[in-house]
Amino acid sequence: MERPDFTPEQLAELHTKKLTLELDLDEKQQAKVFDLELKAVKDREAHKTGMGPKEEMTDEEKFEKRSAMLDAQIEYKSTMRSILNKDQFEKWEKTHKARGKKRQQEGRRGKKHEKRQ
């Protein structure tokens, strides 16, 4: 199944709505989260188009790409901490980590499945 080709604004709005339901965000928080999400989506898109295939990248380019991605994650988390109250941030962090573990496990299964074919 193909992913829909949403605009950055649509993706930011959808993610903001998910977080609003999950964390009970007020209107001010929603506006700040939307701005943060929009920036994150645009950064990810720029990052995807900015480099060629992994196989063609040098080790230094791979390092720079990974480092930039981690810097963006640190900035995102710091901004979320400033937007959310303590309880919301703890809940967000808990679910954020759980999603990461789930994606990691799915990725591993996918790679194993590819090898068997």
N, C-alpha and C. Protein backbone atom coordinates (compact mmCIF):
# COMPACT_ATOMS: atom_id res chain seq x y z
N MET A 1 0.84 -1.18 0.00
CA MET A 1 0.00 0.00 0.00
C MET A 1 0.88 1.24 0.00
N GLU A 2 0.58 2.18 -0.89
CA GLU A 2 1.38 3.39 -1.01
C GLU A 2 0.94 4.43 0.02
N ARG A 3 1.95 5.16 0.52
CA ARG A 3 1.65 6.25 1.45
C ARG A 3 1.12 7.43 0.66
N PRO A 4 0.12 8.13 1.21
CA PRO A 4 -0.38 9.33 0.52
C PRO A 4 0.72 10.38 0.45
N ASP A 5 0.66 11.19 -0.57
CA ASP A 5 1.66 12.24 -0.76
C ASP A 5 1.13 13.55 -0.17
N PHE A 6 1.19 13.64 1.17
CA PHE A 6 0.70 14.83 1.86
C PHE A 6 1.71 15.96 1.78
N THR A 7 1.21 17.19 1.88
CA THR A 7 2.09 18.36 1.95
C THR A 7 2.68 18.42 3.35
N PRO A 8 3.77 19.17 3.53
CA PRO A 8 4.32 19.33 4.88
C PRO A 8 3.29 19.89 5.87
N GLU A 9 2.47 20.81 5.41
CA GLU A 9 1.45 21.41 6.28
C GLU A 9 0.43 20.36 6.71
N GLN A 10 0.03 19.49 5.79
CA GLN A 10 -0.93 18.44 6.12
C GLN A 10 -0.33 17.45 7.12
N LEU A 11 0.92 17.07 6.91
CA LEU A 11 1.57 16.15 7.83
C LEU A 11 1.70 16.76 9.22
N ALA A 12 2.07 18.04 9.27
CA ALA A 12 2.20 18.73 10.57
C ALA A 12 0.85 18.81 11.26
N GLU A 13 -0.20 19.09 10.50
CA GLU A 13 -1.54 19.18 11.09
C GLU A 13 -1.99 17.82 11.64
N LEU A 14 -1.76 16.76 10.88
CA LEU A 14 -2.16 15.42 11.33
C LEU A 14 -1.42 15.02 12.61
N HIS A 15 -0.12 15.26 12.63
CA HIS A 15 0.66 14.89 13.81
C HIS A 15 0.27 15.74 15.01
N THR A 16 -0.02 17.00 14.78
CA THR A 16 -0.45 17.88 15.87
C THR A 16 -1.78 17.39 16.45
N LYS A 17 -2.68 16.97 15.58
CA LYS A 17 -3.97 16.45 16.05
C LYS A 17 -3.80 15.17 16.86
N LYS A 18 -2.91 14.28 16.40
CA LYS A 18 -2.63 13.06 17.16
C LYS A 18 -2.11 13.39 18.55
N LEU A 19 -1.16 14.32 18.61
CA LEU A 19 -0.60 14.71 19.90
C LEU A 19 -1.64 15.42 20.77
N THR A 20 -2.54 16.18 20.16
CA THR A 20 -3.60 16.85 20.91
C THR A 20 -4.49 15.82 21.59
N LEU A 21 -4.85 14.78 20.86
CA LEU A 21 -5.67 13.72 21.44
C LEU A 21 -4.91 12.94 22.52
N GLU A 22 -3.66 12.68 22.25
CA GLU A 22 -2.84 11.88 23.17
C GLU A 22 -2.49 12.63 24.45
N LEU A 23 -2.20 13.93 24.32
CA LEU A 23 -1.67 14.70 25.45
C LEU A 23 -2.61 15.79 25.96
N ASP A 24 -3.77 15.91 25.34
CA ASP A 24 -4.74 16.94 25.74
C ASP A 24 -4.11 18.34 25.69
N LEU A 25 -3.60 18.70 24.52
CA LEU A 25 -2.95 19.99 24.34
C LEU A 25 -3.98 21.12 24.31
N ASP A 26 -3.62 22.28 24.87
CA ASP A 26 -4.48 23.45 24.74
C ASP A 26 -4.17 24.14 23.41
N GLU A 27 -4.90 25.22 23.10
CA GLU A 27 -4.74 25.86 21.79
C GLU A 27 -3.35 26.46 21.59
N LYS A 28 -2.79 27.06 22.64
CA LYS A 28 -1.44 27.64 22.53
C LYS A 28 -0.42 26.54 22.24
N GLN A 29 -0.55 25.42 22.95
CA GLN A 29 0.36 24.29 22.75
C GLN A 29 0.20 23.73 21.34
N GLN A 30 -1.04 23.65 20.87
CA GLN A 30 -1.29 23.13 19.53
C GLN A 30 -0.58 23.98 18.47
N ALA A 31 -0.66 25.28 18.62
CA ALA A 31 -0.02 26.19 17.66
C ALA A 31 1.50 26.01 17.68
N LYS A 32 2.07 25.88 18.86
CA LYS A 32 3.52 25.70 18.97
C LYS A 32 3.96 24.34 18.43
N VAL A 33 3.17 23.30 18.73
CA VAL A 33 3.50 21.96 18.23
C VAL A 33 3.38 21.93 16.70
N PHE A 34 2.36 22.59 16.16
CA PHE A 34 2.21 22.65 14.71
C PHE A 34 3.45 23.28 14.06
N ASP A 35 3.90 24.41 14.61
CA ASP A 35 5.09 25.08 14.07
C ASP A 35 6.31 24.16 14.15
N LEU A 36 6.46 23.49 15.27
CA LEU A 36 7.59 22.57 15.45
C LEU A 36 7.50 21.41 14.46
N GLU A 37 6.32 20.84 14.30
CA GLU A 37 6.12 19.72 13.39
C GLU A 37 6.38 20.15 11.94
N LEU A 38 5.91 21.32 11.58
CA LEU A 38 6.11 21.81 10.22
C LEU A 38 7.59 21.96 9.92
N LYS A 39 8.33 22.52 10.86
CA LYS A 39 9.77 22.66 10.69
C LYS A 39 10.43 21.29 10.58
N ALA A 40 10.01 20.34 11.42
CA ALA A 40 10.60 19.00 11.41
C ALA A 40 10.33 18.29 10.08
N VAL A 41 9.10 18.40 9.56
CA VAL A 41 8.75 17.76 8.30
C VAL A 41 9.59 18.35 7.17
N LYS A 42 9.68 19.66 7.13
CA LYS A 42 10.45 20.31 6.07
C LYS A 42 11.93 19.95 6.17
N ASP A 43 12.46 19.88 7.39
CA ASP A 43 13.86 19.49 7.58
C ASP A 43 14.10 18.06 7.10
N ARG A 44 13.16 17.15 7.42
CA ARG A 44 13.30 15.75 6.98
C ARG A 44 13.28 15.65 5.47
N GLU A 45 12.38 16.40 4.84
CA GLU A 45 12.29 16.36 3.37
C GLU A 45 13.57 16.91 2.74
N ALA A 46 14.08 17.99 3.29
CA ALA A 46 15.32 18.57 2.77
C ALA A 46 16.47 17.59 2.98
N HIS A 47 16.47 16.92 4.10
CA HIS A 47 17.51 15.95 4.43
C HIS A 47 17.47 14.77 3.47
N LYS A 48 16.27 14.32 3.12
CA LYS A 48 16.12 13.19 2.20
C LYS A 48 16.63 13.53 0.80
N THR A 49 16.34 14.74 0.35
CA THR A 49 16.73 15.11 -1.00
C THR A 49 18.16 15.64 -1.06
N GLY A 50 18.74 15.97 0.08
CA GLY A 50 20.06 16.58 0.11
C GLY A 50 21.22 15.64 -0.17
N MET A 51 21.03 14.37 0.02
CA MET A 51 22.10 13.40 -0.17
C MET A 51 21.66 12.32 -1.15
N GLY A 52 22.62 11.72 -1.79
CA GLY A 52 22.33 10.63 -2.71
C GLY A 52 22.13 9.33 -1.96
N PRO A 53 22.13 8.22 -2.69
CA PRO A 53 21.98 6.91 -2.07
C PRO A 53 23.12 6.62 -1.09
N LYS A 54 22.80 5.86 -0.04
CA LYS A 54 23.80 5.55 0.99
C LYS A 54 25.05 4.91 0.40
N GLU A 55 24.86 4.06 -0.59
CA GLU A 55 26.00 3.34 -1.16
C GLU A 55 27.03 4.30 -1.78
N GLU A 56 26.56 5.45 -2.24
CA GLU A 56 27.45 6.40 -2.91
C GLU A 56 28.05 7.43 -1.94
N MET A 57 27.64 7.39 -0.69
CA MET A 57 28.14 8.36 0.29
C MET A 57 29.46 7.89 0.90
N THR A 58 30.34 8.84 1.17
CA THR A 58 31.57 8.51 1.86
C THR A 58 31.25 8.33 3.35
N ASP A 59 32.20 7.76 4.09
CA ASP A 59 32.01 7.59 5.53
C ASP A 59 31.80 8.95 6.20
N GLU A 60 32.52 9.95 5.76
CA GLU A 60 32.39 11.30 6.34
C GLU A 60 30.99 11.86 6.07
N GLU A 61 30.46 11.66 4.87
CA GLU A 61 29.11 12.15 4.55
C GLU A 61 28.06 11.42 5.39
N LYS A 62 28.25 10.12 5.57
CA LYS A 62 27.33 9.34 6.40
C LYS A 62 27.36 9.85 7.84
N PHE A 63 28.57 10.14 8.34
CA PHE A 63 28.71 10.66 9.69
C PHE A 63 28.01 12.00 9.82
N GLU A 64 28.23 12.89 8.87
CA GLU A 64 27.62 14.23 8.91
C GLU A 64 26.10 14.13 8.86
N LYS A 65 25.58 13.24 8.03
CA LYS A 65 24.13 13.07 7.91
C LYS A 65 23.55 12.56 9.23
N ARG A 66 24.20 11.56 9.82
CA ARG A 66 23.72 10.99 11.08
C ARG A 66 23.82 12.02 12.21
N SER A 67 24.91 12.76 12.25
CA SER A 67 25.11 13.78 13.26
C SER A 67 24.05 14.88 13.16
N ALA A 68 23.75 15.31 11.94
CA ALA A 68 22.73 16.34 11.73
C ALA A 68 21.36 15.83 12.16
N MET A 69 21.08 14.57 11.90
CA MET A 69 19.80 13.99 12.29
C MET A 69 19.67 13.95 13.82
N LEU A 70 20.74 13.57 14.49
CA LEU A 70 20.72 13.52 15.96
C LEU A 70 20.59 14.93 16.55
N ASP A 71 21.26 15.91 15.95
CA ASP A 71 21.12 17.29 16.40
C ASP A 71 19.67 17.76 16.29
N ALA A 72 19.02 17.40 15.18
CA ALA A 72 17.62 17.77 14.98
C ALA A 72 16.73 17.10 16.02
N GLN A 73 17.02 15.84 16.36
CA GLN A 73 16.24 15.14 17.38
C GLN A 73 16.41 15.78 18.75
N ILE A 74 17.62 16.19 19.07
CA ILE A 74 17.89 16.86 20.35
C ILE A 74 17.12 18.18 20.42
N GLU A 75 17.16 18.94 19.35
CA GLU A 75 16.45 20.22 19.30
C GLU A 75 14.94 20.01 19.42
N TYR A 76 14.41 18.99 18.73
CA TYR A 76 12.99 18.68 18.76
C TYR A 76 12.56 18.34 20.19
N LYS A 77 13.32 17.47 20.84
CA LYS A 77 12.98 17.06 22.20
C LYS A 77 13.04 18.24 23.16
N SER A 78 14.03 19.08 23.03
CA SER A 78 14.17 20.25 23.88
C SER A 78 12.99 21.21 23.69
N THR A 79 12.58 21.39 22.46
CA THR A 79 11.44 22.28 22.19
C THR A 79 10.15 21.68 22.73
N MET A 80 9.98 20.37 22.58
CA MET A 80 8.78 19.72 23.13
C MET A 80 8.75 19.88 24.65
N ARG A 81 9.91 19.78 25.29
CA ARG A 81 9.99 19.95 26.74
C ARG A 81 9.51 21.36 27.14
N SER A 82 9.84 22.35 26.33
CA SER A 82 9.44 23.73 26.65
C SER A 82 7.96 23.99 26.37
N ILE A 83 7.35 23.23 25.45
CA ILE A 83 5.94 23.42 25.09
C ILE A 83 5.02 22.70 26.08
N LEU A 84 5.39 21.48 26.44
CA LEU A 84 4.53 20.64 27.26
C LEU A 84 4.76 20.87 28.75
N ASN A 85 3.73 20.56 29.54
CA ASN A 85 3.95 20.58 30.98
C ASN A 85 4.64 19.27 31.37
N LYS A 86 4.99 19.15 32.63
CA LYS A 86 5.78 18.00 33.08
C LYS A 86 5.09 16.66 32.80
N ASP A 87 3.81 16.56 33.15
CA ASP A 87 3.07 15.31 32.94
C ASP A 87 2.94 14.98 31.46
N GLN A 88 2.63 15.99 30.65
CA GLN A 88 2.51 15.77 29.21
C GLN A 88 3.84 15.30 28.62
N PHE A 89 4.92 15.94 29.06
CA PHE A 89 6.23 15.58 28.50
C PHE A 89 6.59 14.15 28.87
N GLU A 90 6.33 13.76 30.11
CA GLU A 90 6.63 12.39 30.53
C GLU A 90 5.83 11.38 29.72
N LYS A 91 4.56 11.68 29.49
CA LYS A 91 3.71 10.79 28.68
C LYS A 91 4.21 10.74 27.24
N TRP A 92 4.54 11.92 26.68
CA TRP A 92 5.04 11.98 25.31
C TRP A 92 6.33 11.17 25.18
N GLU A 93 7.23 11.35 26.14
CA GLU A 93 8.51 10.65 26.09
C GLU A 93 8.31 9.13 26.16
N LYS A 94 7.42 8.70 27.02
CA LYS A 94 7.14 7.27 27.18
C LYS A 94 6.59 6.67 25.88
N THR A 95 5.61 7.33 25.28
CA THR A 95 5.04 6.80 24.04
C THR A 95 6.00 6.94 22.87
N HIS A 96 6.80 8.00 22.89
CA HIS A 96 7.79 8.22 21.84
C HIS A 96 8.82 7.08 21.82
N LYS A 97 9.29 6.69 23.01
CA LYS A 97 10.25 5.59 23.12
C LYS A 97 9.62 4.27 22.71
N ALA A 98 8.36 4.05 23.09
CA ALA A 98 7.68 2.80 22.74
C ALA A 98 7.52 2.68 21.23
N ARG A 99 7.20 3.79 20.56
CA ARG A 99 7.07 3.76 19.10
C ARG A 99 8.42 3.46 18.44
N GLY A 100 9.47 4.04 18.99
CA GLY A 100 10.81 3.80 18.44
C GLY A 100 11.19 2.33 18.54
N LYS A 101 10.90 1.71 19.68
CA LYS A 101 11.22 0.29 19.85
C LYS A 101 10.40 -0.56 18.88
N LYS A 102 9.12 -0.19 18.70
CA LYS A 102 8.26 -0.95 17.79
C LYS A 102 8.79 -0.85 16.36
N ARG A 103 9.16 0.34 15.95
CA ARG A 103 9.70 0.54 14.59
C ARG A 103 11.00 -0.24 14.40
N GLN A 104 11.82 -0.25 15.43
CA GLN A 104 13.09 -0.95 15.36
C GLN A 104 12.84 -2.45 15.19
N GLN A 105 11.90 -3.01 15.93
CA GLN A 105 11.58 -4.42 15.83
C GLN A 105 10.98 -4.74 14.46
N GLU A 106 10.11 -3.87 13.96
CA GLU A 106 9.52 -4.09 12.64
C GLU A 106 10.59 -4.05 11.56
N GLY A 107 11.54 -3.15 11.71
CA GLY A 107 12.63 -3.05 10.74
C GLY A 107 13.47 -4.30 10.72
N ARG A 108 13.74 -4.84 11.87
CA ARG A 108 14.53 -6.07 11.95
C ARG A 108 13.78 -7.23 11.31
N ARG A 109 12.49 -7.33 11.59
CA ARG A 109 11.70 -8.39 10.98
C ARG A 109 11.67 -8.24 9.48
N GLY A 110 11.54 -7.02 9.02
CA GLY A 110 11.51 -6.78 7.58
C GLY A 110 12.78 -7.21 6.90
N LYS A 111 13.93 -6.94 7.53
CA LYS A 111 15.21 -7.32 6.95
C LYS A 111 15.36 -8.84 6.91
N LYS A 112 14.95 -9.51 7.97
CA LYS A 112 15.02 -10.96 8.01
C LYS A 112 14.13 -11.55 6.93
N HIS A 113 12.95 -10.96 6.78
CA HIS A 113 12.00 -11.46 5.80
C HIS A 113 12.56 -11.31 4.39
N GLU A 114 13.23 -10.19 4.12
CA GLU A 114 13.82 -9.97 2.80
C GLU A 114 14.89 -11.01 2.48
N LYS A 115 15.67 -11.42 3.47
CA LYS A 115 16.75 -12.37 3.25
C LYS A 115 16.20 -13.75 2.87
N ARG A 116 15.03 -14.08 3.41
CA ARG A 116 14.46 -15.42 3.14
C ARG A 116 13.94 -15.54 1.74
N GLN A 117 13.56 -14.46 1.13
CA GLN A 117 12.93 -14.53 -0.20
C GLN A 117 13.90 -14.91 -1.27
